[in-house]
Amino acid sequence: MSNYIVESYNEKYCRSQRTLINHINKVNADAQSRMDAIPNLWIGKLTNDPDHWADYGVYTPEDFERYLDNEAKHCQEKEEFYEK
């Protein structure tokens, strides 16, 4: 868990970054709950490092969700292309 921001925030993170960290922590906690409830289910956890996400232009929970949606769409389009 060395690449994850701990819950006691470093003061360098502004409010919007802390909001993003909290959102990602919730996404990861929800994923863990699902894995706990369903044997053999594996869901990858996402880094909650705001510096990582800033490199992708992600600064808010809305940016994060839009990024994930776009990535999912891109993967689906690739699969459809290679299935032809």
PDB file of N, CA and C in Angstrom:
ATOM      1  N   MET A   1       0.828  -1.195   0.000  1.00  0.00           N
ATOM      2  CA  MET A   1       0.000   0.000   0.000  1.00  0.00           C
ATOM      3  C   MET A   1       0.866   1.250   0.000  1.00  0.00           C
ATOM      4  N   SER A   2       2.097   1.107  -0.387  1.00  0.00           N
ATOM      5  CA  SER A   2       3.024   2.225  -0.334  1.00  0.00           C
ATOM      6  C   SER A   2       2.698   3.353  -1.306  1.00  0.00           C
ATOM      7  N   ASN A   3       1.948   3.081  -2.361  1.00  0.00           N
ATOM      8  CA  ASN A   3       1.638   4.154  -3.294  1.00  0.00           C
ATOM      9  C   ASN A   3       0.281   4.795  -3.018  1.00  0.00           C
ATOM     10  N   TYR A   4      -0.291   4.543  -1.889  1.00  0.00           N
ATOM     11  CA  TYR A   4      -1.575   5.128  -1.526  1.00  0.00           C
ATOM     12  C   TYR A   4      -1.391   6.213  -0.476  1.00  0.00           C
ATOM     13  N   ILE A   5      -2.177   7.247  -0.603  1.00  0.00           N
ATOM     14  CA  ILE A   5      -2.153   8.335   0.366  1.00  0.00           C
ATOM     15  C   ILE A   5      -2.907   7.873   1.604  1.00  0.00           C
ATOM     16  N   VAL A   6      -2.295   8.006   2.771  1.00  0.00           N
ATOM     17  CA  VAL A   6      -2.956   7.598   4.000  1.00  0.00           C
ATOM     18  C   VAL A   6      -4.056   8.582   4.350  1.00  0.00           C
ATOM     19  N   GLU A   7      -4.962   8.133   5.189  1.00  0.00           N
ATOM     20  CA  GLU A   7      -6.137   8.950   5.488  1.00  0.00           C
ATOM     21  C   GLU A   7      -5.805  10.247   6.228  1.00  0.00           C
ATOM     22  N   SER A   8      -4.694  10.287   6.971  1.00  0.00           N
ATOM     23  CA  SER A   8      -4.294  11.548   7.587  1.00  0.00           C
ATOM     24  C   SER A   8      -3.500  12.312   6.526  1.00  0.00           C
ATOM     25  N   TYR A   9      -4.157  13.276   5.891  1.00  0.00           N
ATOM     26  CA  TYR A   9      -3.607  13.940   4.725  1.00  0.00           C
ATOM     27  C   TYR A   9      -2.387  14.777   5.050  1.00  0.00           C
ATOM     28  N   ASN A  10      -1.497  14.796   4.114  1.00  0.00           N
ATOM     29  CA  ASN A  10      -0.390  15.732   4.148  1.00  0.00           C
ATOM     30  C   ASN A  10      -0.992  17.101   3.845  1.00  0.00           C
ATOM     31  N   GLU A  11      -0.519  18.129   4.481  1.00  0.00           N
ATOM     32  CA  GLU A  11      -1.097  19.462   4.293  1.00  0.00           C
ATOM     33  C   GLU A  11      -0.917  19.992   2.873  1.00  0.00           C
ATOM     34  N   LYS A  12      -0.095  19.345   2.071  1.00  0.00           N
ATOM     35  CA  LYS A  12       0.133  19.855   0.721  1.00  0.00           C
ATOM     36  C   LYS A  12      -1.091  19.702  -0.179  1.00  0.00           C
ATOM     37  N   TYR A  13      -2.042  18.870   0.215  1.00  0.00           N
ATOM     38  CA  TYR A  13      -3.204  18.647  -0.639  1.00  0.00           C
ATOM     39  C   TYR A  13      -4.315  19.643  -0.340  1.00  0.00           C
ATOM     40  N   CYS A  14      -4.812  20.263  -1.393  1.00  0.00           N
ATOM     41  CA  CYS A  14      -5.889  21.231  -1.237  1.00  0.00           C
ATOM     42  C   CYS A  14      -7.225  20.503  -1.095  1.00  0.00           C
ATOM     43  N   ARG A  15      -8.263  21.244  -0.864  1.00  0.00           N
ATOM     44  CA  ARG A  15      -9.591  20.667  -0.625  1.00  0.00           C
ATOM     45  C   ARG A  15     -10.056  19.803  -1.798  1.00  0.00           C
ATOM     46  N   SER A  16      -9.881  20.277  -3.034  1.00  0.00           N
ATOM     47  CA  SER A  16     -10.351  19.488  -4.183  1.00  0.00           C
ATOM     48  C   SER A  16      -9.573  18.187  -4.298  1.00  0.00           C
ATOM     49  N   GLN A  17      -8.280  18.222  -3.976  1.00  0.00           N
ATOM     50  CA  GLN A  17      -7.494  16.987  -4.015  1.00  0.00           C
ATOM     51  C   GLN A  17      -7.949  16.026  -2.925  1.00  0.00           C
ATOM     52  N   ARG A  18      -8.253  16.546  -1.749  1.00  0.00           N
ATOM     53  CA  ARG A  18      -8.744  15.685  -0.664  1.00  0.00           C
ATOM     54  C   ARG A  18     -10.099  15.083  -1.036  1.00  0.00           C
ATOM     55  N   THR A  19     -10.932  15.861  -1.734  1.00  0.00           N
ATOM     56  CA  THR A  19     -12.219  15.341  -2.189  1.00  0.00           C
ATOM     57  C   THR A  19     -12.007  14.196  -3.165  1.00  0.00           C
ATOM     58  N   LEU A  20     -11.049  14.349  -4.071  1.00  0.00           N
ATOM     59  CA  LEU A  20     -10.729  13.281  -5.019  1.00  0.00           C
ATOM     60  C   LEU A  20     -10.202  12.049  -4.278  1.00  0.00           C
ATOM     61  N   ILE A  21      -9.303  12.246  -3.327  1.00  0.00           N
ATOM     62  CA  ILE A  21      -8.755  11.127  -2.541  1.00  0.00           C
ATOM     63  C   ILE A  21      -9.888  10.395  -1.827  1.00  0.00           C
ATOM     64  N   ASN A  22     -10.788  11.130  -1.197  1.00  0.00           N
ATOM     65  CA  ASN A  22     -11.921  10.508  -0.495  1.00  0.00           C
ATOM     66  C   ASN A  22     -12.796   9.708  -1.456  1.00  0.00           C
ATOM     67  N   HIS A  23     -13.037  10.264  -2.628  1.00  0.00           N
ATOM     68  CA  HIS A  23     -13.872   9.575  -3.613  1.00  0.00           C
ATOM     69  C   HIS A  23     -13.221   8.259  -4.039  1.00  0.00           C
ATOM     70  N   ILE A  24     -11.940   8.301  -4.346  1.00  0.00           N
ATOM     71  CA  ILE A  24     -11.242   7.085  -4.767  1.00  0.00           C
ATOM     72  C   ILE A  24     -11.181   6.083  -3.619  1.00  0.00           C
ATOM     73  N   ASN A  25     -10.972   6.564  -2.399  1.00  0.00           N
ATOM     74  CA  ASN A  25     -10.986   5.653  -1.242  1.00  0.00           C
ATOM     75  C   ASN A  25     -12.331   4.944  -1.132  1.00  0.00           C
ATOM     76  N   LYS A  26     -13.423   5.663  -1.405  1.00  0.00           N
ATOM     77  CA  LYS A  26     -14.748   5.042  -1.351  1.00  0.00           C
ATOM     78  C   LYS A  26     -14.919   4.021  -2.471  1.00  0.00           C
ATOM     79  N   VAL A  27     -14.461   4.349  -3.667  1.00  0.00           N
ATOM     80  CA  VAL A  27     -14.534   3.401  -4.789  1.00  0.00           C
ATOM     81  C   VAL A  27     -13.774   2.128  -4.421  1.00  0.00           C
ATOM     82  N   ASN A  28     -12.571   2.292  -3.860  1.00  0.00           N
ATOM     83  CA  ASN A  28     -11.772   1.128  -3.468  1.00  0.00           C
ATOM     84  C   ASN A  28     -12.428   0.346  -2.330  1.00  0.00           C
ATOM     85  N   ALA A  29     -13.028   1.038  -1.374  1.00  0.00           N
ATOM     86  CA  ALA A  29     -13.709   0.357  -0.264  1.00  0.00           C
ATOM     87  C   ALA A  29     -14.927  -0.412  -0.768  1.00  0.00           C
ATOM     88  N   ASP A  30     -15.665   0.188  -1.695  1.00  0.00           N
ATOM     89  CA  ASP A  30     -16.821  -0.509  -2.288  1.00  0.00           C
ATOM     90  C   ASP A  30     -16.364  -1.757  -3.032  1.00  0.00           C
ATOM     91  N   ALA A  31     -15.262  -1.641  -3.754  1.00  0.00           N
ATOM     92  CA  ALA A  31     -14.719  -2.797  -4.478  1.00  0.00           C
ATOM     93  C   ALA A  31     -14.321  -3.889  -3.491  1.00  0.00           C
ATOM     94  N   GLN A  32     -13.690  -3.499  -2.381  1.00  0.00           N
ATOM     95  CA  GLN A  32     -13.283  -4.476  -1.378  1.00  0.00           C
ATOM     96  C   GLN A  32     -14.497  -5.166  -0.764  1.00  0.00           C
ATOM     97  N   SER A  33     -15.542  -4.410  -0.516  1.00  0.00           N
ATOM     98  CA  SER A  33     -16.776  -4.999   0.027  1.00  0.00           C
ATOM     99  C   SER A  33     -17.362  -6.025  -0.928  1.00  0.00           C
ATOM    100  N   ARG A  34     -17.363  -5.704  -2.210  1.00  0.00           N
ATOM    101  CA  ARG A  34     -17.869  -6.657  -3.207  1.00  0.00           C
ATOM    102  C   ARG A  34     -17.009  -7.911  -3.245  1.00  0.00           C
ATOM    103  N   MET A  35     -15.681  -7.729  -3.176  1.00  0.00           N
ATOM    104  CA  MET A  35     -14.790  -8.897  -3.181  1.00  0.00           C
ATOM    105  C   MET A  35     -14.986  -9.744  -1.934  1.00  0.00           C
ATOM    106  N   ASP A  36     -15.217  -9.094  -0.803  1.00  0.00           N
ATOM    107  CA  ASP A  36     -15.457  -9.826   0.442  1.00  0.00           C
ATOM    108  C   ASP A  36     -16.735 -10.650   0.357  1.00  0.00           C
ATOM    109  N   ALA A  37     -17.726 -10.130  -0.356  1.00  0.00           N
ATOM    110  CA  ALA A  37     -19.032 -10.787  -0.438  1.00  0.00           C
ATOM    111  C   ALA A  37     -19.100 -11.873  -1.508  1.00  0.00           C
ATOM    112  N   ILE A  38     -18.245 -11.772  -2.512  1.00  0.00           N
ATOM    113  CA  ILE A  38     -18.328 -12.710  -3.641  1.00  0.00           C
ATOM    114  C   ILE A  38     -16.997 -13.453  -3.768  1.00  0.00           C
ATOM    115  N   PRO A  39     -16.996 -14.719  -3.414  1.00  0.00           N
ATOM    116  CA  PRO A  39     -15.753 -15.498  -3.524  1.00  0.00           C
ATOM    117  C   PRO A  39     -15.226 -15.502  -4.963  1.00  0.00           C
ATOM    118  N   ASN A  40     -13.935 -15.476  -5.087  1.00  0.00           N
ATOM    119  CA  ASN A  40     -13.235 -15.518  -6.383  1.00  0.00           C
ATOM    120  C   ASN A  40     -13.431 -14.276  -7.248  1.00  0.00           C
ATOM    121  N   LEU A  41     -14.029 -13.226  -6.712  1.00  0.00           N
ATOM    122  CA  LEU A  41     -14.136 -11.968  -7.445  1.00  0.00           C
ATOM    123  C   LEU A  41     -12.886 -11.148  -7.171  1.00  0.00           C
ATOM    124  N   TRP A  42     -12.304 -10.602  -8.224  1.00  0.00           N
ATOM    125  CA  TRP A  42     -11.137  -9.741  -8.061  1.00  0.00           C
ATOM    126  C   TRP A  42     -11.411  -8.422  -8.754  1.00  0.00           C
ATOM    127  N   ILE A  43     -11.199  -7.329  -8.042  1.00  0.00           N
ATOM    128  CA  ILE A  43     -11.335  -5.984  -8.591  1.00  0.00           C
ATOM    129  C   ILE A  43     -10.056  -5.237  -8.239  1.00  0.00           C
ATOM    130  N   GLY A  44      -9.407  -4.704  -9.243  1.00  0.00           N
ATOM    131  CA  GLY A  44      -8.178  -3.946  -9.001  1.00  0.00           C
ATOM    132  C   GLY A  44      -8.464  -2.662  -8.241  1.00  0.00           C
ATOM    133  N   LYS A  45      -7.532  -2.297  -7.395  1.00  0.00           N
ATOM    134  CA  LYS A  45      -7.678  -1.037  -6.659  1.00  0.00           C
ATOM    135  C   LYS A  45      -6.938   0.065  -7.408  1.00  0.00           C
ATOM    136  N   LEU A  46      -7.486   1.250  -7.304  1.00  0.00           N
ATOM    137  CA  LEU A  46      -6.947   2.405  -8.003  1.00  0.00           C
ATOM    138  C   LEU A  46      -6.141   3.275  -7.046  1.00  0.00           C
ATOM    139  N   THR A  47      -5.036   3.793  -7.529  1.00  0.00           N
ATOM    140  CA  THR A  47      -4.241   4.679  -6.694  1.00  0.00           C
ATOM    141  C   THR A  47      -5.050   5.934  -6.357  1.00  0.00           C
ATOM    142  N   ASN A  48      -4.878   6.410  -5.159  1.00  0.00           N
ATOM    143  CA  ASN A  48      -5.570   7.634  -4.749  1.00  0.00           C
ATOM    144  C   ASN A  48      -4.590   8.806  -4.656  1.00  0.00           C
ATOM    145  N   ASP A  49      -3.474   8.700  -5.343  1.00  0.00           N
ATOM    146  CA  ASP A  49      -2.465   9.756  -5.360  1.00  0.00           C
ATOM    147  C   ASP A  49      -2.901  10.854  -6.331  1.00  0.00           C
ATOM    148  N   PRO A  50      -3.242  12.033  -5.821  1.00  0.00           N
ATOM    149  CA  PRO A  50      -3.736  13.096  -6.700  1.00  0.00           C
ATOM    150  C   PRO A  50      -2.694  13.553  -7.719  1.00  0.00           C
ATOM    151  N   ASP A  51      -1.415  13.397  -7.412  1.00  0.00           N
ATOM    152  CA  ASP A  51      -0.385  13.768  -8.381  1.00  0.00           C
ATOM    153  C   ASP A  51      -0.435  12.836  -9.596  1.00  0.00           C
ATOM    154  N   HIS A  52      -0.695  11.566  -9.348  1.00  0.00           N
ATOM    155  CA  HIS A  52      -0.861  10.613 -10.452  1.00  0.00           C
ATOM    156  C   HIS A  52      -2.021  11.033 -11.346  1.00  0.00           C
ATOM    157  N   TRP A  53      -3.161  11.321 -10.726  1.00  0.00           N
ATOM    158  CA  TRP A  53      -4.348  11.647 -11.507  1.00  0.00           C
ATOM    159  C   TRP A  53      -4.219  12.992 -12.203  1.00  0.00           C
ATOM    160  N   ALA A  54      -3.479  13.922 -11.614  1.00  0.00           N
ATOM    161  CA  ALA A  54      -3.270  15.225 -12.256  1.00  0.00           C
ATOM    162  C   ALA A  54      -2.561  15.055 -13.600  1.00  0.00           C
ATOM    163  N   ASP A  55      -1.689  14.058 -13.698  1.00  0.00           N
ATOM    164  CA  ASP A  55      -1.016  13.788 -14.972  1.00  0.00           C
ATOM    165  C   ASP A  55      -2.004  13.419 -16.072  1.00  0.00           C
ATOM    166  N   TYR A  56      -3.195  12.964 -15.693  1.00  0.00           N
ATOM    167  CA  TYR A  56      -4.242  12.600 -16.646  1.00  0.00           C
ATOM    168  C   TYR A  56      -5.315  13.673 -16.754  1.00  0.00           C
ATOM    169  N   GLY A  57      -5.099  14.815 -16.117  1.00  0.00           N
ATOM    170  CA  GLY A  57      -6.088  15.887 -16.148  1.00  0.00           C
ATOM    171  C   GLY A  57      -7.273  15.642 -15.245  1.00  0.00           C
ATOM    172  N   VAL A  58      -7.082  14.796 -14.235  1.00  0.00           N
ATOM    173  CA  VAL A  58      -8.153  14.439 -13.301  1.00  0.00           C
ATOM    174  C   VAL A  58      -7.901  15.161 -11.976  1.00  0.00           C
ATOM    175  N   TYR A  59      -8.847  16.035 -11.602  1.00  0.00           N
ATOM    176  CA  TYR A  59      -8.693  16.827 -10.382  1.00  0.00           C
ATOM    177  C   TYR A  59      -9.882  16.706  -9.439  1.00  0.00           C
ATOM    178  N   THR A  60     -11.006  16.225  -9.954  1.00  0.00           N
ATOM    179  CA  THR A  60     -12.231  16.146  -9.151  1.00  0.00           C
ATOM    180  C   THR A  60     -12.842  14.751  -9.300  1.00  0.00           C
ATOM    181  N   PRO A  61     -13.776  14.388  -8.410  1.00  0.00           N
ATOM    182  CA  PRO A  61     -14.481  13.117  -8.591  1.00  0.00           C
ATOM    183  C   PRO A  61     -15.181  13.033  -9.954  1.00  0.00           C
ATOM    184  N   GLU A  62     -15.698  14.154 -10.438  1.00  0.00           N
ATOM    185  CA  GLU A  62     -16.363  14.166 -11.738  1.00  0.00           C
ATOM    186  C   GLU A  62     -15.364  13.869 -12.862  1.00  0.00           C
ATOM    187  N   ASP A  63     -14.183  14.484 -12.779  1.00  0.00           N
ATOM    188  CA  ASP A  63     -13.129  14.196 -13.753  1.00  0.00           C
ATOM    189  C   ASP A  63     -12.749  12.712 -13.711  1.00  0.00           C
ATOM    190  N   PHE A  64     -12.649  12.178 -12.497  1.00  0.00           N
ATOM    191  CA  PHE A  64     -12.265  10.784 -12.290  1.00  0.00           C
ATOM    192  C   PHE A  64     -13.280   9.840 -12.935  1.00  0.00           C
ATOM    193  N   GLU A  65     -14.557  10.075 -12.673  1.00  0.00           N
ATOM    194  CA  GLU A  65     -15.606   9.225 -13.237  1.00  0.00           C
ATOM    195  C   GLU A  65     -15.639   9.339 -14.756  1.00  0.00           C
ATOM    196  N   ARG A  66     -15.458  10.546 -15.269  1.00  0.00           N
ATOM    197  CA  ARG A  66     -15.430  10.746 -16.720  1.00  0.00           C
ATOM    198  C   ARG A  66     -14.231   9.998 -17.323  1.00  0.00           C
ATOM    199  N   TYR A  67     -13.080  10.066 -16.663  1.00  0.00           N
ATOM    200  CA  TYR A  67     -11.894   9.361 -17.137  1.00  0.00           C
ATOM    201  C   TYR A  67     -12.157   7.853 -17.184  1.00  0.00           C
ATOM    202  N   LEU A  68     -12.724   7.299 -16.113  1.00  0.00           N
ATOM    203  CA  LEU A  68     -13.009   5.864 -16.089  1.00  0.00           C
ATOM    204  C   LEU A  68     -14.008   5.471 -17.171  1.00  0.00           C
ATOM    205  N   ASP A  69     -15.037   6.281 -17.359  1.00  0.00           N
ATOM    206  CA  ASP A  69     -16.023   6.008 -18.411  1.00  0.00           C
ATOM    207  C   ASP A  69     -15.364   6.020 -19.792  1.00  0.00           C
ATOM    208  N   ASN A  70     -14.513   7.006 -20.039  1.00  0.00           N
ATOM    209  CA  ASN A  70     -13.831   7.091 -21.327  1.00  0.00           C
ATOM    210  C   ASN A  70     -12.899   5.905 -21.546  1.00  0.00           C
ATOM    211  N   GLU A  71     -12.202   5.488 -20.499  1.00  0.00           N
ATOM    212  CA  GLU A  71     -11.317   4.324 -20.614  1.00  0.00           C
ATOM    213  C   GLU A  71     -12.117   3.053 -20.894  1.00  0.00           C
ATOM    214  N   ALA A  72     -13.233   2.888 -20.231  1.00  0.00           N
ATOM    215  CA  ALA A  72     -14.084   1.715 -20.461  1.00  0.00           C
ATOM    216  C   ALA A  72     -14.600   1.712 -21.900  1.00  0.00           C
ATOM    217  N   LYS A  73     -15.024   2.879 -22.379  1.00  0.00           N
ATOM    218  CA  LYS A  73     -15.515   2.985 -23.755  1.00  0.00           C
ATOM    219  C   LYS A  73     -14.398   2.647 -24.736  1.00  0.00           C
ATOM    220  N   HIS A  74     -13.215   3.160 -24.486  1.00  0.00           N
ATOM    221  CA  HIS A  74     -12.071   2.889 -25.364  1.00  0.00           C
ATOM    222  C   HIS A  74     -11.761   1.391 -25.403  1.00  0.00           C
ATOM    223  N   CYS A  75     -11.753   0.739 -24.250  1.00  0.00           N
ATOM    224  CA  CYS A  75     -11.495  -0.704 -24.200  1.00  0.00           C
ATOM    225  C   CYS A  75     -12.570  -1.482 -24.951  1.00  0.00           C
ATOM    226  N   GLN A  76     -13.814  -1.079 -24.791  1.00  0.00           N
ATOM    227  CA  GLN A  76     -14.917  -1.748 -25.483  1.00  0.00           C
ATOM    228  C   GLN A  76     -14.783  -1.582 -26.996  1.00  0.00           C
ATOM    229  N   GLU A  77     -14.430  -0.388 -27.433  1.00  0.00           N
ATOM    230  CA  GLU A  77     -14.258  -0.150 -28.865  1.00  0.00           C
ATOM    231  C   GLU A  77     -13.101  -0.980 -29.422  1.00  0.00           C
ATOM    232  N   LYS A  78     -12.022  -1.107 -28.659  1.00  0.00           N
ATOM    233  CA  LYS A  78     -10.899  -1.947 -29.104  1.00  0.00           C
ATOM    234  C   LYS A  78     -11.331  -3.391 -29.246  1.00  0.00           C
ATOM    235  N   GLU A  79     -12.071  -3.894 -28.259  1.00  0.00           N
ATOM    236  CA  GLU A  79     -12.552  -5.282 -28.314  1.00  0.00           C
ATOM    237  C   GLU A  79     -13.435  -5.490 -29.529  1.00  0.00           C
ATOM    238  N   GLU A  80     -14.343  -4.557 -29.786  1.00  0.00           N
ATOM    239  CA  GLU A  80     -15.238  -4.682 -30.935  1.00  0.00           C
ATOM    240  C   GLU A  80     -14.462  -4.642 -32.242  1.00  0.00           C
ATOM    241  N   PHE A  81     -13.426  -3.833 -32.318  1.00  0.00           N
ATOM    242  CA  PHE A  81     -12.619  -3.730 -33.521  1.00  0.00           C
ATOM    243  C   PHE A  81     -11.895  -5.043 -33.797  1.00  0.00           C
ATOM    244  N   TYR A  82     -11.317  -5.630 -32.768  1.00  0.00           N
ATOM    245  CA  TYR A  82     -10.539  -6.858 -32.950  1.00  0.00           C
ATOM    246  C   TYR A  82     -11.397  -8.113 -33.064  1.00  0.00           C
ATOM    247  N   GLU A  83     -12.678  -8.010 -32.739  1.00  0.00           N
ATOM    248  CA  GLU A  83     -13.578  -9.153 -32.903  1.00  0.00           C
ATOM    249  C   GLU A  83     -14.049  -9.304 -34.348  1.00  0.00           C
ATOM    250  N   LYS A  84     -13.848  -8.293 -35.152  1.00  0.00           N
ATOM    251  CA  LYS A  84     -14.328  -8.332 -36.547  1.00  0.00           C
ATOM    252  C   LYS A  84     -13.455  -9.210 -37.406  1.00  0.00           C
TER     253      LYS A  84
END
